[in-house]
Amino acid sequence: MSTVPEPSIFTKIINREIPANIVYEDDIVIAFLTIEPVNVGHTLIVPKKPFVNLLDGDEDVLGHMVAVAKKVGTALIANSYATGINLIMNNGSDADQEVFHAHMHVVPRKKDDGSFTKPTHVKPTPEETTAVVQNLKSTLG
């Protein structure tokens, strides 16, 4: 997997080539309101140095993204845009990633907002569970 994606719409926002509603910025990330919000205040946290997604991202940058998401979430709640938040990061096209420049969604939520439905759950057999545990332990070391 490539660690430097093609220039994206996020790169254009970072470079101020297109406008965005920026709510936070530092040397590592930029945070701005998405143009397709789930709820008012829906914010994207985007690293300035592009990488494709979580799976090839620098761990320090990823940790900083979470720290900034916490700040944004706290601000959303403090300003009554939310009573809770969801953090979402789609990683790969099969996980619905559309822009291949890593980004994390901070989605403001309120009780009964109807924004998301609960997912259906699979029921793995005991054998499948055992195989998954063994395989992951082996791979993770």
N, C-alpha and C. Protein backbone atom coordinates (compact mmCIF):
# COMPACT_ATOMS: atom_id res chain seq x y z
N MET A 1 0.85 -1.18 0.00
CA MET A 1 0.00 0.00 0.00
C MET A 1 0.89 1.24 0.00
N SER A 2 0.59 2.21 -0.82
CA SER A 2 1.35 3.43 -0.91
C SER A 2 1.12 4.31 0.31
N THR A 3 2.17 4.96 0.79
CA THR A 3 2.01 5.86 1.92
C THR A 3 1.79 7.30 1.49
N VAL A 4 1.96 7.61 0.22
CA VAL A 4 1.73 8.96 -0.28
C VAL A 4 0.68 8.90 -1.39
N PRO A 5 -0.56 9.23 -1.06
CA PRO A 5 -1.61 9.17 -2.07
C PRO A 5 -1.46 10.30 -3.08
N GLU A 6 -2.19 10.16 -4.16
CA GLU A 6 -2.28 11.24 -5.14
C GLU A 6 -2.86 12.47 -4.44
N PRO A 7 -2.49 13.67 -4.88
CA PRO A 7 -3.09 14.86 -4.26
C PRO A 7 -4.63 14.77 -4.29
N SER A 8 -5.22 15.07 -3.17
CA SER A 8 -6.67 14.92 -3.02
C SER A 8 -7.32 16.28 -2.77
N ILE A 9 -8.62 16.24 -2.64
CA ILE A 9 -9.35 17.45 -2.27
C ILE A 9 -8.85 17.98 -0.93
N PHE A 10 -8.41 17.07 -0.04
CA PHE A 10 -7.90 17.51 1.26
C PHE A 10 -6.57 18.24 1.10
N THR A 11 -5.73 17.79 0.19
CA THR A 11 -4.48 18.49 -0.10
C THR A 11 -4.77 19.90 -0.58
N LYS A 12 -5.79 20.03 -1.42
CA LYS A 12 -6.16 21.36 -1.92
C LYS A 12 -6.66 22.26 -0.79
N ILE A 13 -7.35 21.68 0.18
CA ILE A 13 -7.80 22.47 1.35
C ILE A 13 -6.59 22.87 2.18
N ILE A 14 -5.70 21.93 2.45
CA ILE A 14 -4.49 22.22 3.23
C ILE A 14 -3.69 23.33 2.57
N ASN A 15 -3.57 23.29 1.24
CA ASN A 15 -2.80 24.29 0.48
C ASN A 15 -3.58 25.56 0.20
N ARG A 16 -4.81 25.64 0.71
CA ARG A 16 -5.68 26.81 0.54
C ARG A 16 -6.01 27.08 -0.92
N GLU A 17 -6.08 25.99 -1.71
CA GLU A 17 -6.46 26.12 -3.11
C GLU A 17 -7.97 26.12 -3.27
N ILE A 18 -8.67 25.55 -2.30
CA ILE A 18 -10.13 25.61 -2.26
C ILE A 18 -10.53 25.95 -0.82
N PRO A 19 -11.67 26.61 -0.66
CA PRO A 19 -12.07 27.04 0.68
C PRO A 19 -12.62 25.89 1.52
N ALA A 20 -12.53 26.06 2.81
CA ALA A 20 -13.11 25.11 3.76
C ALA A 20 -13.44 25.86 5.04
N ASN A 21 -14.35 25.31 5.80
CA ASN A 21 -14.72 25.87 7.10
C ASN A 21 -13.82 25.23 8.16
N ILE A 22 -12.64 25.82 8.31
CA ILE A 22 -11.61 25.28 9.21
C ILE A 22 -11.96 25.65 10.65
N VAL A 23 -11.94 24.64 11.52
CA VAL A 23 -12.23 24.87 12.94
C VAL A 23 -11.00 24.72 13.82
N TYR A 24 -9.95 24.05 13.30
CA TYR A 24 -8.73 23.85 14.07
C TYR A 24 -7.59 23.55 13.10
N GLU A 25 -6.39 24.00 13.48
CA GLU A 25 -5.22 23.70 12.67
C GLU A 25 -3.98 23.81 13.53
N ASP A 26 -3.04 22.90 13.31
CA ASP A 26 -1.72 22.99 13.92
C ASP A 26 -0.72 22.50 12.88
N ASP A 27 0.50 22.22 13.27
CA ASP A 27 1.53 21.81 12.31
C ASP A 27 1.30 20.42 11.73
N ILE A 28 0.46 19.60 12.40
CA ILE A 28 0.31 18.20 12.02
C ILE A 28 -1.01 17.92 11.30
N VAL A 29 -2.09 18.55 11.76
CA VAL A 29 -3.42 18.28 11.20
C VAL A 29 -4.19 19.56 10.93
N ILE A 30 -5.23 19.39 10.15
CA ILE A 30 -6.22 20.44 9.93
C ILE A 30 -7.58 19.80 10.17
N ALA A 31 -8.50 20.56 10.75
CA ALA A 31 -9.85 20.06 11.02
C ALA A 31 -10.85 21.05 10.43
N PHE A 32 -11.80 20.51 9.67
CA PHE A 32 -12.78 21.37 9.02
C PHE A 32 -14.11 20.65 8.91
N LEU A 33 -15.17 21.44 8.75
CA LEU A 33 -16.50 20.87 8.60
C LEU A 33 -16.60 20.17 7.25
N THR A 34 -17.18 18.98 7.24
CA THR A 34 -17.37 18.26 5.99
C THR A 34 -18.50 18.89 5.19
N ILE A 35 -18.42 18.73 3.87
CA ILE A 35 -19.48 19.27 3.02
C ILE A 35 -20.69 18.33 2.95
N GLU A 36 -20.55 17.13 3.50
CA GLU A 36 -21.67 16.18 3.55
C GLU A 36 -21.88 15.71 4.99
N PRO A 37 -22.36 16.60 5.88
CA PRO A 37 -22.46 16.24 7.29
C PRO A 37 -23.59 15.26 7.60
N VAL A 38 -23.31 14.39 8.55
CA VAL A 38 -24.35 13.53 9.11
C VAL A 38 -25.22 14.37 10.03
N ASN A 39 -24.60 15.21 10.82
CA ASN A 39 -25.26 16.17 11.70
C ASN A 39 -24.48 17.47 11.66
N VAL A 40 -25.10 18.56 12.08
CA VAL A 40 -24.44 19.87 12.11
C VAL A 40 -23.20 19.78 13.00
N GLY A 41 -22.08 20.25 12.48
CA GLY A 41 -20.84 20.22 13.23
C GLY A 41 -19.93 19.05 12.87
N HIS A 42 -20.38 18.17 11.98
CA HIS A 42 -19.59 17.00 11.54
C HIS A 42 -18.26 17.49 10.99
N THR A 43 -17.18 17.07 11.63
CA THR A 43 -15.84 17.59 11.35
C THR A 43 -14.90 16.48 10.88
N LEU A 44 -14.01 16.82 9.97
CA LEU A 44 -12.97 15.90 9.52
C LEU A 44 -11.64 16.34 10.10
N ILE A 45 -10.87 15.37 10.60
CA ILE A 45 -9.51 15.60 11.07
C ILE A 45 -8.60 14.99 10.01
N VAL A 46 -7.73 15.79 9.41
CA VAL A 46 -6.92 15.36 8.27
C VAL A 46 -5.45 15.67 8.54
N PRO A 47 -4.57 14.67 8.38
CA PRO A 47 -3.15 14.96 8.53
C PRO A 47 -2.63 15.80 7.37
N LYS A 48 -1.76 16.74 7.67
CA LYS A 48 -1.20 17.58 6.61
C LYS A 48 -0.24 16.81 5.72
N LYS A 49 0.53 15.90 6.31
CA LYS A 49 1.40 15.04 5.51
C LYS A 49 0.56 13.82 5.14
N PRO A 50 0.20 13.68 3.87
CA PRO A 50 -0.77 12.65 3.50
C PRO A 50 -0.24 11.23 3.61
N PHE A 51 -1.12 10.36 4.05
CA PHE A 51 -0.96 8.92 3.93
C PHE A 51 -2.34 8.38 3.62
N VAL A 52 -2.43 7.16 3.15
CA VAL A 52 -3.70 6.65 2.63
C VAL A 52 -4.72 6.42 3.72
N ASN A 53 -4.35 5.68 4.77
CA ASN A 53 -5.31 5.39 5.84
C ASN A 53 -4.58 4.87 7.07
N LEU A 54 -5.33 4.45 8.05
CA LEU A 54 -4.81 3.96 9.32
C LEU A 54 -3.72 2.91 9.13
N LEU A 55 -3.87 2.06 8.13
CA LEU A 55 -3.00 0.91 7.98
C LEU A 55 -1.59 1.26 7.54
N ASP A 56 -1.38 2.46 7.00
CA ASP A 56 -0.02 2.86 6.65
C ASP A 56 0.37 4.19 7.28
N GLY A 57 -0.41 4.62 8.27
CA GLY A 57 -0.15 5.89 8.92
C GLY A 57 0.90 5.82 10.01
N ASP A 58 1.56 6.92 10.22
CA ASP A 58 2.52 7.08 11.30
C ASP A 58 1.74 7.06 12.63
N GLU A 59 2.20 6.25 13.58
CA GLU A 59 1.47 6.10 14.83
C GLU A 59 1.39 7.40 15.64
N ASP A 60 2.43 8.22 15.59
CA ASP A 60 2.38 9.50 16.30
C ASP A 60 1.33 10.43 15.69
N VAL A 61 1.26 10.45 14.37
CA VAL A 61 0.26 11.29 13.70
C VAL A 61 -1.14 10.76 13.99
N LEU A 62 -1.31 9.46 13.93
CA LEU A 62 -2.62 8.87 14.23
C LEU A 62 -3.05 9.20 15.66
N GLY A 63 -2.11 9.10 16.60
CA GLY A 63 -2.42 9.46 17.98
C GLY A 63 -2.80 10.92 18.11
N HIS A 64 -2.11 11.79 17.37
CA HIS A 64 -2.44 13.22 17.39
C HIS A 64 -3.83 13.47 16.80
N MET A 65 -4.17 12.72 15.76
CA MET A 65 -5.51 12.85 15.18
C MET A 65 -6.58 12.55 16.23
N VAL A 66 -6.36 11.51 17.02
CA VAL A 66 -7.32 11.16 18.08
C VAL A 66 -7.37 12.26 19.14
N ALA A 67 -6.22 12.80 19.51
CA ALA A 67 -6.18 13.88 20.50
C ALA A 67 -6.96 15.10 20.00
N VAL A 68 -6.81 15.43 18.72
CA VAL A 68 -7.55 16.57 18.15
C VAL A 68 -9.03 16.23 18.06
N ALA A 69 -9.36 14.98 17.72
CA ALA A 69 -10.77 14.57 17.69
C ALA A 69 -11.40 14.75 19.07
N LYS A 70 -10.63 14.45 20.12
CA LYS A 70 -11.14 14.66 21.49
C LYS A 70 -11.43 16.14 21.73
N LYS A 71 -10.51 17.03 21.30
CA LYS A 71 -10.73 18.47 21.46
C LYS A 71 -11.98 18.92 20.71
N VAL A 72 -12.10 18.46 19.46
CA VAL A 72 -13.26 18.85 18.64
C VAL A 72 -14.54 18.31 19.26
N GLY A 73 -14.53 17.05 19.68
CA GLY A 73 -15.71 16.46 20.31
C GLY A 73 -16.11 17.21 21.57
N THR A 74 -15.14 17.57 22.37
CA THR A 74 -15.40 18.33 23.59
C THR A 74 -16.02 19.69 23.25
N ALA A 75 -15.50 20.33 22.20
CA ALA A 75 -16.05 21.63 21.78
C ALA A 75 -17.46 21.50 21.23
N LEU A 76 -17.72 20.42 20.49
CA LEU A 76 -19.08 20.20 19.97
C LEU A 76 -20.07 20.05 21.11
N ILE A 77 -19.69 19.31 22.13
CA ILE A 77 -20.57 19.11 23.28
C ILE A 77 -20.71 20.41 24.07
N ALA A 78 -19.61 21.14 24.29
CA ALA A 78 -19.65 22.40 25.04
C ALA A 78 -20.54 23.43 24.37
N ASN A 79 -20.65 23.36 23.04
CA ASN A 79 -21.47 24.32 22.31
C ASN A 79 -22.85 23.78 21.95
N SER A 80 -23.24 22.67 22.59
CA SER A 80 -24.57 22.06 22.45
C SER A 80 -24.88 21.54 21.05
N TYR A 81 -23.84 21.24 20.26
CA TYR A 81 -24.08 20.59 18.97
C TYR A 81 -24.21 19.09 19.12
N ALA A 82 -23.85 18.58 20.29
CA ALA A 82 -23.86 17.14 20.52
C ALA A 82 -23.97 16.85 22.00
N THR A 83 -24.45 15.65 22.29
CA THR A 83 -24.38 15.12 23.65
C THR A 83 -23.46 13.90 23.68
N GLY A 84 -23.00 13.48 22.50
CA GLY A 84 -22.05 12.40 22.34
C GLY A 84 -21.45 12.51 20.95
N ILE A 85 -20.43 11.71 20.69
CA ILE A 85 -19.80 11.74 19.36
C ILE A 85 -19.47 10.33 18.91
N ASN A 86 -19.38 10.16 17.60
CA ASN A 86 -18.82 8.95 16.99
C ASN A 86 -17.53 9.37 16.29
N LEU A 87 -16.50 8.54 16.44
CA LEU A 87 -15.29 8.69 15.64
C LEU A 87 -15.33 7.60 14.59
N ILE A 88 -15.14 7.99 13.34
CA ILE A 88 -15.21 7.03 12.23
C ILE A 88 -14.00 7.26 11.34
N MET A 89 -13.34 6.16 10.98
CA MET A 89 -12.24 6.23 10.02
C MET A 89 -12.39 5.04 9.10
N ASN A 90 -12.77 5.31 7.86
CA ASN A 90 -12.93 4.25 6.86
C ASN A 90 -11.55 3.97 6.25
N ASN A 91 -11.17 2.71 6.24
CA ASN A 91 -9.82 2.33 5.80
C ASN A 91 -9.90 1.30 4.69
N GLY A 92 -9.77 1.78 3.46
CA GLY A 92 -9.86 0.93 2.29
C GLY A 92 -11.20 1.05 1.61
N SER A 93 -11.22 0.79 0.31
CA SER A 93 -12.46 0.95 -0.46
C SER A 93 -13.55 0.01 0.03
N ASP A 94 -13.20 -1.19 0.49
CA ASP A 94 -14.22 -2.11 1.00
C ASP A 94 -14.82 -1.65 2.32
N ALA A 95 -14.16 -0.68 2.96
CA ALA A 95 -14.68 -0.09 4.20
C ALA A 95 -15.28 1.29 3.91
N ASP A 96 -15.61 1.54 2.64
CA ASP A 96 -16.26 2.78 2.19
C ASP A 96 -15.36 4.02 2.23
N GLN A 97 -14.03 3.84 2.22
CA GLN A 97 -13.16 5.00 2.09
C GLN A 97 -13.30 5.53 0.67
N GLU A 98 -13.60 6.82 0.54
CA GLU A 98 -13.79 7.44 -0.75
C GLU A 98 -12.64 8.37 -1.14
N VAL A 99 -12.06 9.04 -0.16
CA VAL A 99 -10.91 9.91 -0.40
C VAL A 99 -9.70 9.21 0.20
N PHE A 100 -8.70 8.93 -0.62
CA PHE A 100 -7.56 8.13 -0.18
C PHE A 100 -6.43 9.01 0.34
N HIS A 101 -6.82 9.90 1.22
CA HIS A 101 -5.95 10.71 2.07
C HIS A 101 -6.58 10.52 3.43
N ALA A 102 -5.84 9.93 4.35
CA ALA A 102 -6.41 9.56 5.65
C ALA A 102 -7.22 10.70 6.25
N HIS A 103 -8.30 10.35 6.92
CA HIS A 103 -9.12 11.33 7.61
C HIS A 103 -10.02 10.63 8.62
N MET A 104 -10.31 11.34 9.68
CA MET A 104 -11.17 10.82 10.74
C MET A 104 -12.38 11.73 10.87
N HIS A 105 -13.55 11.12 10.93
CA HIS A 105 -14.79 11.87 11.11
C HIS A 105 -15.09 12.00 12.60
N VAL A 106 -15.43 13.21 13.02
CA VAL A 106 -15.97 13.43 14.35
C VAL A 106 -17.44 13.80 14.12
N VAL A 107 -18.31 12.84 14.42
CA VAL A 107 -19.73 13.01 14.12
C VAL A 107 -20.48 13.36 15.40
N PRO A 108 -21.04 14.56 15.47
CA PRO A 108 -21.82 14.93 16.66
C PRO A 108 -23.12 14.13 16.70
N ARG A 109 -23.47 13.69 17.89
CA ARG A 109 -24.69 12.89 18.05
C ARG A 109 -25.53 13.46 19.18
N LYS A 110 -26.84 13.29 19.03
CA LYS A 110 -27.81 13.60 20.08
C LYS A 110 -28.75 12.42 20.20
N LYS A 111 -29.35 12.28 21.34
CA LYS A 111 -30.25 11.16 21.58
C LYS A 111 -31.32 11.10 20.50
N ASP A 112 -31.51 9.90 19.98
CA ASP A 112 -32.55 9.62 18.98
C ASP A 112 -32.44 10.47 17.72
N ASP A 113 -31.20 10.82 17.31
CA ASP A 113 -31.06 11.61 16.09
C ASP A 113 -31.26 10.79 14.83
N GLY A 114 -31.28 9.47 14.95
CA GLY A 114 -31.54 8.61 13.81
C GLY A 114 -30.43 8.60 12.76
N SER A 115 -29.25 9.07 13.12
CA SER A 115 -28.17 9.18 12.14
C SER A 115 -27.63 7.84 11.68
N PHE A 116 -27.55 6.89 12.58
CA PHE A 116 -27.01 5.58 12.24
C PHE A 116 -27.94 4.50 12.77
N THR A 117 -27.98 3.41 12.08
CA THR A 117 -28.72 2.26 12.59
C THR A 117 -27.72 1.25 13.15
N LYS A 118 -28.17 0.47 14.10
CA LYS A 118 -27.29 -0.55 14.67
C LYS A 118 -26.97 -1.58 13.60
N PRO A 119 -25.73 -2.01 13.56
CA PRO A 119 -25.35 -3.01 12.56
C PRO A 119 -25.91 -4.38 12.92
N THR A 120 -26.03 -5.21 11.91
CA THR A 120 -26.37 -6.60 12.19
C THR A 120 -25.09 -7.28 12.67
N HIS A 121 -25.23 -8.32 13.43
CA HIS A 121 -24.07 -9.01 13.97
C HIS A 121 -24.01 -10.43 13.44
N VAL A 122 -22.79 -10.91 13.22
CA VAL A 122 -22.60 -12.29 12.81
C VAL A 122 -22.51 -13.15 14.06
N LYS A 123 -22.71 -14.44 13.88
CA LYS A 123 -22.61 -15.38 14.99
C LYS A 123 -21.58 -16.44 14.63
N PRO A 124 -20.30 -16.14 14.91
CA PRO A 124 -19.27 -17.13 14.56
C PRO A 124 -19.42 -18.40 15.39
N THR A 125 -19.05 -19.49 14.77
CA THR A 125 -19.06 -20.76 15.50
C THR A 125 -17.89 -20.75 16.48
N PRO A 126 -17.92 -21.61 17.49
CA PRO A 126 -16.77 -21.70 18.40
C PRO A 126 -15.48 -22.01 17.65
N GLU A 127 -15.57 -22.81 16.60
CA GLU A 127 -14.38 -23.15 15.81
C GLU A 127 -13.83 -21.92 15.08
N GLU A 128 -14.74 -21.11 14.53
CA GLU A 128 -14.30 -19.88 13.85
C GLU A 128 -13.63 -18.93 14.83
N THR A 129 -14.22 -18.80 16.00
CA THR A 129 -13.65 -17.93 17.03
C THR A 129 -12.26 -18.40 17.43
N THR A 130 -12.11 -19.68 17.66
CA THR A 130 -10.81 -20.25 18.02
C THR A 130 -9.79 -20.00 16.92
N ALA A 131 -10.18 -20.19 15.66
CA ALA A 131 -9.26 -19.96 14.53
C ALA A 131 -8.85 -18.49 14.46
N VAL A 132 -9.79 -17.58 14.64
CA VAL A 132 -9.48 -16.15 14.59
C VAL A 132 -8.49 -15.80 15.70
N VAL A 133 -8.75 -16.25 16.90
CA VAL A 133 -7.86 -15.96 18.02
C VAL A 133 -6.45 -16.49 17.74
N GLN A 134 -6.35 -17.71 17.28
CA GLN A 134 -5.04 -18.31 16.99
C GLN A 134 -4.32 -17.55 15.88
N ASN A 135 -5.04 -17.23 14.81
CA ASN A 135 -4.42 -16.53 13.69
C ASN A 135 -3.95 -15.13 14.08
N LEU A 136 -4.79 -14.40 14.81
CA LEU A 136 -4.41 -13.03 15.21
C LEU A 136 -3.24 -13.06 16.19
N LYS A 137 -3.28 -13.96 17.17
CA LYS A 137 -2.16 -14.07 18.11
C LYS A 137 -0.87 -14.39 17.38
N SER A 138 -0.94 -15.28 16.41
CA SER A 138 0.24 -15.66 15.65
C SER A 138 0.78 -14.48 14.84
N THR A 139 -0.10 -13.73 14.23
CA THR A 139 0.31 -12.59 13.41
C THR A 139 0.81 -11.42 14.27
N LEU A 140 0.13 -11.19 15.39
CA LEU A 140 0.48 -10.06 16.26
C LEU A 140 1.72 -10.34 17.11
N GLY A 141 2.04 -11.61 17.28
CA GLY A 141 3.25 -11.96 18.05
C GLY A 141 2.97 -12.00 19.49
